[in-house]
Amino acid sequence: MSTVHITKGSELVKGSPAEAVASTEMAVPRRRRRHQRGMTTAEYAVGTVAAVSFAGVLIKILTDPTVSKLILDIILWILKKIAGF
């Protein structure tokens, strides 16, 4: 049976190849999770900035008198089609 060297933290330990694979498989997800914590926060920040920007553009568009009149005309046209005026 072969022996491999496994690093656990800062110490070097001898073990079987299966232990080496198990050790690296358990260490990788922990590193990935630590790395992804910050990414999730960054994604929320970018999403929040995008949503606020989109809301600002919508407010600017919808408060424009020309757009307001167009929306009112569309609503009245729909009501006339439904009511049969």
C-alpha atoms as a PDB file:
ATOM      1  CA  MET A   1       0.000   0.000   0.000  1.00  0.00           C
ATOM      2  CA  SER A   2       1.414   3.372  -0.936  1.00  0.00           C
ATOM      3  CA  THR A   3       1.697   6.297   1.423  1.00  0.00           C
ATOM      4  CA  VAL A   4       1.177   9.913   0.477  1.00  0.00           C
ATOM      5  CA  HIS A   5       1.850  13.081   2.394  1.00  0.00           C
ATOM      6  CA  ILE A   6      -1.243  15.068   3.364  1.00  0.00           C
ATOM      7  CA  THR A   7      -1.077  18.618   4.582  1.00  0.00           C
ATOM      8  CA  LYS A   8      -3.572  19.529   7.275  1.00  0.00           C
ATOM      9  CA  GLY A   9      -3.234  23.191   8.064  1.00  0.00           C
ATOM     10  CA  SER A  10       0.500  23.734   8.454  1.00  0.00           C
ATOM     11  CA  GLU A  11       1.427  20.175   9.483  1.00  0.00           C
ATOM     12  CA  LEU A  12       2.408  17.340   7.139  1.00  0.00           C
ATOM     13  CA  VAL A  13       0.804  13.964   7.864  1.00  0.00           C
ATOM     14  CA  LYS A  14       1.294  10.584   6.187  1.00  0.00           C
ATOM     15  CA  GLY A  15      -1.777   8.744   4.976  1.00  0.00           C
ATOM     16  CA  SER A  16      -3.316   6.578   2.266  1.00  0.00           C
ATOM     17  CA  PRO A  17      -4.215   7.922  -1.207  1.00  0.00           C
ATOM     18  CA  ALA A  18      -7.914   7.702  -0.262  1.00  0.00           C
ATOM     19  CA  GLU A  19      -7.300   9.929   2.747  1.00  0.00           C
ATOM     20  CA  ALA A  20      -5.465  12.407   0.519  1.00  0.00           C
ATOM     21  CA  VAL A  21      -8.407  12.569  -1.900  1.00  0.00           C
ATOM     22  CA  ALA A  22     -10.898  12.931   0.952  1.00  0.00           C
ATOM     23  CA  SER A  23      -8.767  15.662   2.501  1.00  0.00           C
ATOM     24  CA  THR A  24      -8.575  17.719  -0.707  1.00  0.00           C
ATOM     25  CA  GLU A  25     -12.259  17.181  -1.532  1.00  0.00           C
ATOM     26  CA  MET A  26     -13.254  18.532   1.865  1.00  0.00           C
ATOM     27  CA  ALA A  27     -10.852  21.492   1.675  1.00  0.00           C
ATOM     28  CA  VAL A  28     -11.942  22.720  -1.782  1.00  0.00           C
ATOM     29  CA  PRO A  29     -15.624  23.409  -1.003  1.00  0.00           C
ATOM     30  CA  ARG A  30     -14.637  25.360   2.110  1.00  0.00           C
ATOM     31  CA  ARG A  31     -12.365  27.577   0.031  1.00  0.00           C
ATOM     32  CA  ARG A  32     -15.041  28.016  -2.622  1.00  0.00           C
ATOM     33  CA  ARG A  33     -17.658  28.932  -0.020  1.00  0.00           C
ATOM     34  CA  ARG A  34     -15.350  31.508   1.552  1.00  0.00           C
ATOM     35  CA  HIS A  35     -14.657  32.991  -1.882  1.00  0.00           C
ATOM     36  CA  GLN A  36     -18.346  33.080  -2.829  1.00  0.00           C
ATOM     37  CA  ARG A  37     -19.486  34.934   0.296  1.00  0.00           C
ATOM     38  CA  GLY A  38     -18.062  38.200  -1.015  1.00  0.00           C
ATOM     39  CA  MET A  39     -19.351  37.558  -4.511  1.00  0.00           C
ATOM     40  CA  THR A  40     -22.895  37.192  -3.235  1.00  0.00           C
ATOM     41  CA  THR A  41     -22.637  40.539  -1.465  1.00  0.00           C
ATOM     42  CA  ALA A  42     -21.225  42.159  -4.592  1.00  0.00           C
ATOM     43  CA  GLU A  43     -24.024  40.692  -6.714  1.00  0.00           C
ATOM     44  CA  TYR A  44     -26.637  42.099  -4.329  1.00  0.00           C
ATOM     45  CA  ALA A  45     -24.956  45.504  -4.497  1.00  0.00           C
ATOM     46  CA  VAL A  46     -24.891  45.499  -8.304  1.00  0.00           C
ATOM     47  CA  GLY A  47     -28.506  44.319  -8.442  1.00  0.00           C
ATOM     48  CA  THR A  48     -29.584  47.037  -6.018  1.00  0.00           C
ATOM     49  CA  VAL A  49     -27.805  49.752  -8.009  1.00  0.00           C
ATOM     50  CA  ALA A  50     -29.382  48.464 -11.235  1.00  0.00           C
ATOM     51  CA  ALA A  51     -32.876  48.388  -9.695  1.00  0.00           C
ATOM     52  CA  VAL A  52     -32.554  51.916  -8.305  1.00  0.00           C
ATOM     53  CA  SER A  53     -31.236  53.183 -11.643  1.00  0.00           C
ATOM     54  CA  PHE A  54     -34.110  51.532 -13.504  1.00  0.00           C
ATOM     55  CA  ALA A  55     -36.611  53.030 -11.043  1.00  0.00           C
ATOM     56  CA  GLY A  56     -35.074  56.474 -11.567  1.00  0.00           C
ATOM     57  CA  VAL A  57     -35.390  56.165 -15.328  1.00  0.00           C
ATOM     58  CA  LEU A  58     -39.011  54.992 -15.001  1.00  0.00           C
ATOM     59  CA  ILE A  59     -39.883  57.906 -12.738  1.00  0.00           C
ATOM     60  CA  LYS A  60     -38.281  60.347 -15.164  1.00  0.00           C
ATOM     61  CA  ILE A  61     -40.156  58.848 -18.127  1.00  0.00           C
ATOM     62  CA  LEU A  62     -43.520  58.531 -16.403  1.00  0.00           C
ATOM     63  CA  THR A  63     -43.488  62.082 -15.033  1.00  0.00           C
ATOM     64  CA  ASP A  64     -42.906  63.546 -18.510  1.00  0.00           C
ATOM     65  CA  PRO A  65     -46.158  65.237 -19.661  1.00  0.00           C
ATOM     66  CA  THR A  66     -45.934  63.772 -23.174  1.00  0.00           C
ATOM     67  CA  VAL A  67     -45.590  60.220 -21.867  1.00  0.00           C
ATOM     68  CA  SER A  68     -48.369  60.760 -19.317  1.00  0.00           C
ATOM     69  CA  LYS A  69     -50.702  61.933 -22.104  1.00  0.00           C
ATOM     70  CA  LEU A  70     -49.742  58.956 -24.279  1.00  0.00           C
ATOM     71  CA  ILE A  71     -50.448  56.507 -21.433  1.00  0.00           C
ATOM     72  CA  LEU A  72     -53.796  58.199 -20.719  1.00  0.00           C
ATOM     73  CA  ASP A  73     -54.709  58.036 -24.427  1.00  0.00           C
ATOM     74  CA  ILE A  74     -53.868  54.314 -24.535  1.00  0.00           C
ATOM     75  CA  ILE A  75     -55.951  53.611 -21.421  1.00  0.00           C
ATOM     76  CA  LEU A  76     -58.906  55.570 -22.826  1.00  0.00           C
ATOM     77  CA  TRP A  77     -58.591  53.764 -26.185  1.00  0.00           C
ATOM     78  CA  ILE A  78     -58.666  50.387 -24.388  1.00  0.00           C
ATOM     79  CA  LEU A  79     -61.697  51.414 -22.325  1.00  0.00           C
ATOM     80  CA  LYS A  80     -63.520  52.585 -25.476  1.00  0.00           C
ATOM     81  CA  LYS A  81     -62.792  49.234 -27.176  1.00  0.00           C
ATOM     82  CA  ILE A  82     -64.033  47.295 -24.150  1.00  0.00           C
ATOM     83  CA  ALA A  83     -67.095  49.460 -23.463  1.00  0.00           C
ATOM     84  CA  GLY A  84     -67.949  49.886 -27.134  1.00  0.00           C
ATOM     85  CA  PHE A  85     -68.138  53.690 -27.195  1.00  0.00           C
END
